[in-house]
PDB file of N, CA and C in Angstrom:
ATOM      1  N   UNK A   1     101.845 108.753 114.160  1.00  0.00           N
ATOM      2  CA  UNK A   1     101.619 107.263 113.390  1.00  0.00           C
ATOM      3  C   UNK A   1     102.861 106.631 112.934  1.00  0.00           C
ATOM      4  N   UNK A   2     101.830 105.197 113.008  1.00  0.00           N
ATOM      5  CA  UNK A   2     103.010 104.152 113.079  1.00  0.00           C
ATOM      6  C   UNK A   2     102.682 103.620 111.657  1.00  0.00           C
ATOM      7  N   UNK A   3     103.507 103.180 110.151  1.00  0.00           N
ATOM      8  CA  UNK A   3     103.435 102.602 108.881  1.00  0.00           C
ATOM      9  C   UNK A   3     104.084 101.345 108.657  1.00  0.00           C
ATOM     10  N   UNK A   4     103.692 100.848 108.218  1.00  0.00           N
ATOM     11  CA  UNK A   4     104.212  99.025 107.841  1.00  0.00           C
ATOM     12  C   UNK A   4     105.112  99.295 106.548  1.00  0.00           C
ATOM     13  N   UNK A   5     106.165  99.731 106.066  1.00  0.00           N
ATOM     14  CA  UNK A   5     106.717 100.066 105.036  1.00  0.00           C
ATOM     15  C   UNK A   5     108.351  99.024 104.555  1.00  0.00           C
ATOM     16  N   UNK A   6     109.265  99.708 103.434  1.00  0.00           N
ATOM     17  CA  UNK A   6     109.942  98.818 103.450  1.00  0.00           C
ATOM     18  C   UNK A   6     111.489  99.769 103.775  1.00  0.00           C
ATOM     19  N   UNK A   7     112.203  98.973 104.212  1.00  0.00           N
ATOM     20  CA  UNK A   7     113.874  99.644 104.193  1.00  0.00           C
ATOM     21  C   UNK A   7     114.497  99.037 103.538  1.00  0.00           C
ATOM     22  N   UNK A   8     115.131 100.280 102.140  1.00  0.00           N
ATOM     23  CA  UNK A   8     116.385  99.528 102.143  1.00  0.00           C
ATOM     24  C   UNK A   8     117.361  98.933 102.786  1.00  0.00           C
ATOM     25  N   UNK A   9     117.827  97.469 101.668  1.00  0.00           N
ATOM     26  CA  UNK A   9     119.583  96.958 102.526  1.00  0.00           C
ATOM     27  C   UNK A   9     119.269  96.380 100.724  1.00  0.00           C
ATOM     28  N   UNK A  10     121.408  95.701 100.925  1.00  0.00           N
ATOM     29  CA  UNK A  10     122.255  95.087 100.004  1.00  0.00           C
ATOM     30  C   UNK A  10     123.307  96.322  99.257  1.00  0.00           C
ATOM     31  N   UNK A  11     123.603  95.958  98.415  1.00  0.00           N
ATOM     32  CA  UNK A  11     124.407  96.846  97.762  1.00  0.00           C
ATOM     33  C   UNK A  11     123.530  97.513  96.473  1.00  0.00           C
ATOM     34  N   UNK A  12     124.260  98.166  95.663  1.00  0.00           N
ATOM     35  CA  UNK A  12     123.278  99.382  94.720  1.00  0.00           C
ATOM     36  C   UNK A  12     122.655  98.483  93.690  1.00  0.00           C
ATOM     37  N   UNK A  13     122.993  97.423  93.176  1.00  0.00           N
ATOM     38  CA  UNK A  13     122.514  96.960  91.565  1.00  0.00           C
ATOM     39  C   UNK A  13     121.895  95.523  92.567  1.00  0.00           C
ATOM     40  N   UNK A  14     121.865  95.399  94.221  1.00  0.00           N
ATOM     41  CA  UNK A  14     121.460  94.068  94.506  1.00  0.00           C
ATOM     42  C   UNK A  14     120.476  94.116  95.991  1.00  0.00           C
ATOM     43  N   UNK A  15     119.412  95.459  95.486  1.00  0.00           N
ATOM     44  CA  UNK A  15     118.631  95.591  96.690  1.00  0.00           C
ATOM     45  C   UNK A  15     117.700  94.359  97.568  1.00  0.00           C
ATOM     46  N   UNK A  16     117.775  94.403  99.299  1.00  0.00           N
ATOM     47  CA  UNK A  16     117.038  93.829 100.016  1.00  0.00           C
ATOM     48  C   UNK A  16     116.171  94.408 100.620  1.00  0.00           C
ATOM     49  N   UNK A  17     114.786  93.936 100.937  1.00  0.00           N
ATOM     50  CA  UNK A  17     113.936  95.190 101.544  1.00  0.00           C
ATOM     51  C   UNK A  17     113.438  94.816 103.004  1.00  0.00           C
ATOM     52  N   UNK A  18     113.681  95.287 103.906  1.00  0.00           N
ATOM     53  CA  UNK A  18     112.641  94.665 105.299  1.00  0.00           C
ATOM     54  C   UNK A  18     111.856  94.873 105.348  1.00  0.00           C
ATOM     55  N   UNK A  19     110.713  94.963 105.501  1.00  0.00           N
ATOM     56  CA  UNK A  19     109.572  95.522 105.661  1.00  0.00           C
ATOM     57  C   UNK A  19     109.201  95.456 107.613  1.00  0.00           C
ATOM     58  N   UNK A  20     109.194  96.491 107.349  1.00  0.00           N
ATOM     59  CA  UNK A  20     109.206  97.250 109.273  1.00  0.00           C
ATOM     60  C   UNK A  20     108.371  98.089 109.666  1.00  0.00           C
ATOM     61  N   UNK A  21     108.018  98.580 111.067  1.00  0.00           N
ATOM     62  CA  UNK A  21     107.324  99.125 111.420  1.00  0.00           C
ATOM     63  C   UNK A  21     107.870 100.666 111.843  1.00  0.00           C
ATOM     64  N   UNK A  22     107.916 101.770 111.582  1.00  0.00           N
ATOM     65  CA  UNK A  22     108.003 103.111 111.331  1.00  0.00           C
ATOM     66  C   UNK A  22     107.690 103.859 111.978  1.00  0.00           C
ATOM     67  N   UNK A  23     108.184 105.168 112.610  1.00  0.00           N
ATOM     68  CA  UNK A  23     106.860 106.454 112.339  1.00  0.00           C
ATOM     69  C   UNK A  23     106.788 106.762 110.867  1.00  0.00           C
ATOM     70  N   UNK A  24     105.834 107.452 110.633  1.00  0.00           N
ATOM     71  CA  UNK A  24     105.836 107.476 109.270  1.00  0.00           C
ATOM     72  C   UNK A  24     106.189 109.343 108.706  1.00  0.00           C
ATOM     73  N   UNK A  25     106.596 109.543 109.994  1.00  0.00           N
ATOM     74  CA  UNK A  25     107.702 110.878 109.227  1.00  0.00           C
ATOM     75  C   UNK A  25     109.029 110.128 109.774  1.00  0.00           C
ATOM     76  N   UNK A  26     109.301 109.352 109.828  1.00  0.00           N
ATOM     77  CA  UNK A  26     111.265 109.091 110.256  1.00  0.00           C
ATOM     78  C   UNK A  26     111.482 108.954 108.851  1.00  0.00           C
ATOM     79  N   UNK A  27     112.891 108.727 108.459  1.00  0.00           N
ATOM     80  CA  UNK A  27     113.666 108.903 106.744  1.00  0.00           C
ATOM     81  C   UNK A  27     113.421 107.223 105.968  1.00  0.00           C
ATOM     82  N   UNK A  28     113.179 107.379 105.374  1.00  0.00           N
ATOM     83  CA  UNK A  28     113.737 105.531 105.121  1.00  0.00           C
ATOM     84  C   UNK A  28     113.766 104.540 105.280  1.00  0.00           C
ATOM     85  N   UNK A  29     115.030 104.976 105.696  1.00  0.00           N
ATOM     86  CA  UNK A  29     116.108 103.769 106.507  1.00  0.00           C
ATOM     87  C   UNK A  29     116.515 104.152 107.593  1.00  0.00           C
ATOM     88  N   UNK A  30     115.695 105.302 108.059  1.00  0.00           N
ATOM     89  CA  UNK A  30     115.953 105.281 109.490  1.00  0.00           C
ATOM     90  C   UNK A  30     115.807 104.586 110.996  1.00  0.00           C
ATOM     91  N   UNK A  31     114.507 105.421 111.389  1.00  0.00           N
ATOM     92  CA  UNK A  31     114.730 104.162 112.599  1.00  0.00           C
ATOM     93  C   UNK A  31     113.824 103.217 112.722  1.00  0.00           C
ATOM     94  N   UNK A  32     113.477 102.676 113.370  1.00  0.00           N
ATOM     95  CA  UNK A  32     112.618 101.451 112.789  1.00  0.00           C
ATOM     96  C   UNK A  32     111.425 100.871 114.058  1.00  0.00           C
ATOM     97  N   UNK A  33     110.505 100.688 114.337  1.00  0.00           N
ATOM     98  CA  UNK A  33     110.034 100.299 115.751  1.00  0.00           C
ATOM     99  C   UNK A  33     110.246  99.062 115.856  1.00  0.00           C
ATOM    100  N   UNK A  34     109.539  97.955 115.031  1.00  0.00           N
ATOM    101  CA  UNK A  34     110.014  96.545 114.437  1.00  0.00           C
ATOM    102  C   UNK A  34     110.080  96.039 113.223  1.00  0.00           C
ATOM    103  N   UNK A  35     110.365  94.977 112.985  1.00  0.00           N
ATOM    104  CA  UNK A  35     110.742  94.028 111.727  1.00  0.00           C
ATOM    105  C   UNK A  35     109.813  93.116 111.589  1.00  0.00           C
ATOM    106  N   UNK A  36     109.220  92.916 110.522  1.00  0.00           N
ATOM    107  CA  UNK A  36     108.131  92.076 110.435  1.00  0.00           C
ATOM    108  C   UNK A  36     108.270  90.982 109.312  1.00  0.00           C
ATOM    109  N   UNK A  37     109.387  91.788 108.428  1.00  0.00           N
ATOM    110  CA  UNK A  37     110.187  90.226 107.540  1.00  0.00           C
ATOM    111  C   UNK A  37     110.630  91.292 105.882  1.00  0.00           C
ATOM    112  N   UNK A  38     110.659  90.248 105.256  1.00  0.00           N
ATOM    113  CA  UNK A  38     112.186  90.827 104.354  1.00  0.00           C
ATOM    114  C   UNK A  38     110.927  90.236 103.126  1.00  0.00           C
ATOM    115  N   UNK A  39     111.790  90.946 102.020  1.00  0.00           N
ATOM    116  CA  UNK A  39     111.645  90.844 100.373  1.00  0.00           C
ATOM    117  C   UNK A  39     112.589  90.767  99.584  1.00  0.00           C
ATOM    118  N   UNK A  40     113.318  89.412  99.206  1.00  0.00           N
ATOM    119  CA  UNK A  40     114.593  89.900  97.956  1.00  0.00           C
ATOM    120  C   UNK A  40     113.818  89.545  96.459  1.00  0.00           C
ATOM    121  N   UNK A  41     113.658  90.779  95.740  1.00  0.00           N
ATOM    122  CA  UNK A  41     112.954  91.104  94.737  1.00  0.00           C
ATOM    123  C   UNK A  41     113.500  90.190  93.468  1.00  0.00           C
ATOM    124  N   UNK A  42     115.547  89.950  93.478  1.00  0.00           N
ATOM    125  CA  UNK A  42     115.427  88.942  92.788  1.00  0.00           C
ATOM    126  C   UNK A  42     115.741  87.903  92.657  1.00  0.00           C
ATOM    127  N   UNK A  43     116.086  87.487  94.278  1.00  0.00           N
ATOM    128  CA  UNK A  43     115.497  85.959  94.762  1.00  0.00           C
ATOM    129  C   UNK A  43     113.930  85.348  94.428  1.00  0.00           C
ATOM    130  N   UNK A  44     113.204  86.436  94.367  1.00  0.00           N
ATOM    131  CA  UNK A  44     111.450  86.628  94.580  1.00  0.00           C
ATOM    132  C   UNK A  44     111.151  85.525  95.679  1.00  0.00           C
ATOM    133  N   UNK A  45     111.608  85.831  96.961  1.00  0.00           N
ATOM    134  CA  UNK A  45     111.776  85.536  98.076  1.00  0.00           C
ATOM    135  C   UNK A  45     110.293  86.556  98.926  1.00  0.00           C
ATOM    136  N   UNK A  46     109.628  85.753  99.946  1.00  0.00           N
ATOM    137  CA  UNK A  46     109.421  86.990 100.690  1.00  0.00           C
ATOM    138  C   UNK A  46     108.704  86.438 101.571  1.00  0.00           C
ATOM    139  N   UNK A  47     109.200  86.885 103.097  1.00  0.00           N
ATOM    140  CA  UNK A  47     109.047  85.921 104.390  1.00  0.00           C
ATOM    141  C   UNK A  47     108.512  86.836 104.954  1.00  0.00           C
ATOM    142  N   UNK A  48     107.100  87.373 105.876  1.00  0.00           N
ATOM    143  CA  UNK A  48     106.584  87.657 106.828  1.00  0.00           C
ATOM    144  C   UNK A  48     105.826  87.028 107.767  1.00  0.00           C
ATOM    145  N   UNK A  49     106.178  87.609 109.020  1.00  0.00           N
ATOM    146  CA  UNK A  49     105.619  87.299 109.856  1.00  0.00           C
ATOM    147  C   UNK A  49     103.950  87.602 110.146  1.00  0.00           C
ATOM    148  N   UNK A  50     103.366  86.647 110.253  1.00  0.00           N
ATOM    149  CA  UNK A  50     101.746  86.830 110.177  1.00  0.00           C
ATOM    150  C   UNK A  50     101.440  87.691 111.371  1.00  0.00           C
ATOM    151  N   UNK A  51     101.333  86.853 112.631  1.00  0.00           N
ATOM    152  CA  UNK A  51     101.474  87.233 113.636  1.00  0.00           C
ATOM    153  C   UNK A  51     101.581  88.566 113.993  1.00  0.00           C
ATOM    154  N   UNK A  52     103.050  89.169 113.642  1.00  0.00           N
ATOM    155  CA  UNK A  52     103.889  90.457 113.732  1.00  0.00           C
ATOM    156  C   UNK A  52     103.234  91.348 113.205  1.00  0.00           C
ATOM    157  N   UNK A  53     102.653  90.771 112.137  1.00  0.00           N
ATOM    158  CA  UNK A  53     101.875  91.767 110.930  1.00  0.00           C
ATOM    159  C   UNK A  53     100.804  92.730 111.765  1.00  0.00           C
ATOM    160  N   UNK A  54      99.536  91.055 112.474  1.00  0.00           N
ATOM    161  CA  UNK A  54      98.557  91.379 112.225  1.00  0.00           C
ATOM    162  C   UNK A  54      98.408  92.123 113.816  1.00  0.00           C
ATOM    163  N   UNK A  55      99.444  91.793 114.772  1.00  0.00           N
ATOM    164  CA  UNK A  55      99.709  92.798 115.622  1.00  0.00           C
ATOM    165  C   UNK A  55      99.933  93.686 115.541  1.00  0.00           C
ATOM    166  N   UNK A  56     100.347  94.348 114.584  1.00  0.00           N
ATOM    167  CA  UNK A  56     100.864  95.989 114.452  1.00  0.00           C
ATOM    168  C   UNK A  56      99.936  96.686 113.484  1.00  0.00           C
ATOM    169  N   UNK A  57      98.867  96.191 112.660  1.00  0.00           N
ATOM    170  CA  UNK A  57      97.925  96.607 112.506  1.00  0.00           C
ATOM    171  C   UNK A  57      96.568  96.136 112.905  1.00  0.00           C
ATOM    172  N   UNK A  58      96.446  96.098 114.573  1.00  0.00           N
ATOM    173  CA  UNK A  58      95.380  96.197 115.366  1.00  0.00           C
ATOM    174  C   UNK A  58      95.874  97.276 116.302  1.00  0.00           C
ATOM    175  N   UNK A  59      97.404  97.719 116.484  1.00  0.00           N
ATOM    176  CA  UNK A  59      97.878  98.938 117.197  1.00  0.00           C
ATOM    177  C   UNK A  59      97.546 100.205 116.446  1.00  0.00           C
ATOM    178  N   UNK A  60      97.355  99.389 115.541  1.00  0.00           N
ATOM    179  CA  UNK A  60      97.090 101.144 114.166  1.00  0.00           C
ATOM    180  C   UNK A  60      97.768 101.388 113.057  1.00  0.00           C
ATOM    181  N   UNK A  61      99.141 100.331 113.116  1.00  0.00           N
ATOM    182  CA  UNK A  61      99.564 100.890 111.998  1.00  0.00           C
ATOM    183  C   UNK A  61      99.114 100.475 110.313  1.00  0.00           C
ATOM    184  N   UNK A  62      99.674 101.988 109.491  1.00  0.00           N
ATOM    185  CA  UNK A  62      99.100 101.858 108.304  1.00  0.00           C
ATOM    186  C   UNK A  62      99.969 101.103 107.369  1.00  0.00           C
ATOM    187  N   UNK A  63      99.623  99.992 106.572  1.00  0.00           N
ATOM    188  CA  UNK A  63     101.042  99.410 105.474  1.00  0.00           C
ATOM    189  C   UNK A  63     100.559 100.645 104.480  1.00  0.00           C
ATOM    190  N   UNK A  64     102.376 100.699 103.643  1.00  0.00           N
ATOM    191  CA  UNK A  64     101.991 101.040 102.609  1.00  0.00           C
ATOM    192  C   UNK A  64     101.149 100.831 101.356  1.00  0.00           C
ATOM    193  N   UNK A  65     100.961 101.358 100.546  1.00  0.00           N
ATOM    194  CA  UNK A  65     100.121 100.641  99.354  1.00  0.00           C
ATOM    195  C   UNK A  65     101.534  99.272  98.973  1.00  0.00           C
ATOM    196  N   UNK A  66     102.263  99.578  98.698  1.00  0.00           N
ATOM    197  CA  UNK A  66     103.345  98.228  98.440  1.00  0.00           C
ATOM    198  C   UNK A  66     103.130  97.320  99.070  1.00  0.00           C
ATOM    199  N   UNK A  67     103.656  97.328  99.958  1.00  0.00           N
ATOM    200  CA  UNK A  67     103.720  96.320 101.385  1.00  0.00           C
ATOM    201  C   UNK A  67     102.312  95.642 100.951  1.00  0.00           C
ATOM    202  N   UNK A  68     101.236  96.448 100.859  1.00  0.00           N
ATOM    203  CA  UNK A  68      99.360  95.785 100.944  1.00  0.00           C
ATOM    204  C   UNK A  68      99.824  95.090  99.592  1.00  0.00           C
ATOM    205  N   UNK A  69     100.053  95.225  98.639  1.00  0.00           N
ATOM    206  CA  UNK A  69     100.364  94.914  97.282  1.00  0.00           C
ATOM    207  C   UNK A  69     100.906  93.355  97.715  1.00  0.00           C
ATOM    208  N   UNK A  70     102.954  93.103  98.478  1.00  0.00           N
ATOM    209  CA  UNK A  70     103.069  92.149  98.852  1.00  0.00           C
ATOM    210  C   UNK A  70     102.308  91.390  99.111  1.00  0.00           C
ATOM    211  N   UNK A  71     102.165  91.464 100.580  1.00  0.00           N
ATOM    212  CA  UNK A  71     100.889  90.680 101.804  1.00  0.00           C
ATOM    213  C   UNK A  71      99.826  89.745 100.635  1.00  0.00           C
ATOM    214  N   UNK A  72      99.707  90.805  99.679  1.00  0.00           N
ATOM    215  CA  UNK A  72      98.884  89.929  98.777  1.00  0.00           C
ATOM    216  C   UNK A  72      99.035  88.315  97.974  1.00  0.00           C
ATOM    217  N   UNK A  73     100.518  88.675  97.658  1.00  0.00           N
ATOM    218  CA  UNK A  73     101.142  87.865  97.346  1.00  0.00           C
ATOM    219  C   UNK A  73     100.594  86.147  97.968  1.00  0.00           C
ATOM    220  N   UNK A  74     100.609  86.372  99.333  1.00  0.00           N
ATOM    221  CA  UNK A  74     101.375  85.311 100.010  1.00  0.00           C
ATOM    222  C   UNK A  74     100.093  84.639 100.327  1.00  0.00           C
TER     223      UNK A  74
END
């Protein structure tokens, strides 16, 4: 099963996150299928490719609760 979730990047106290499509059982920062967007909490920037997001939703990918909350902010 595929999940749309956050992948951590950046330094220890300066985290950035990629919004990715990955296998639900894979590691948090492990192998990903596709990148849908990114989120920078410090700079308060959120960018999501809506077409890719909707494409993966129609293919059966389930967004995590955190990603759902972020998408509502757009």
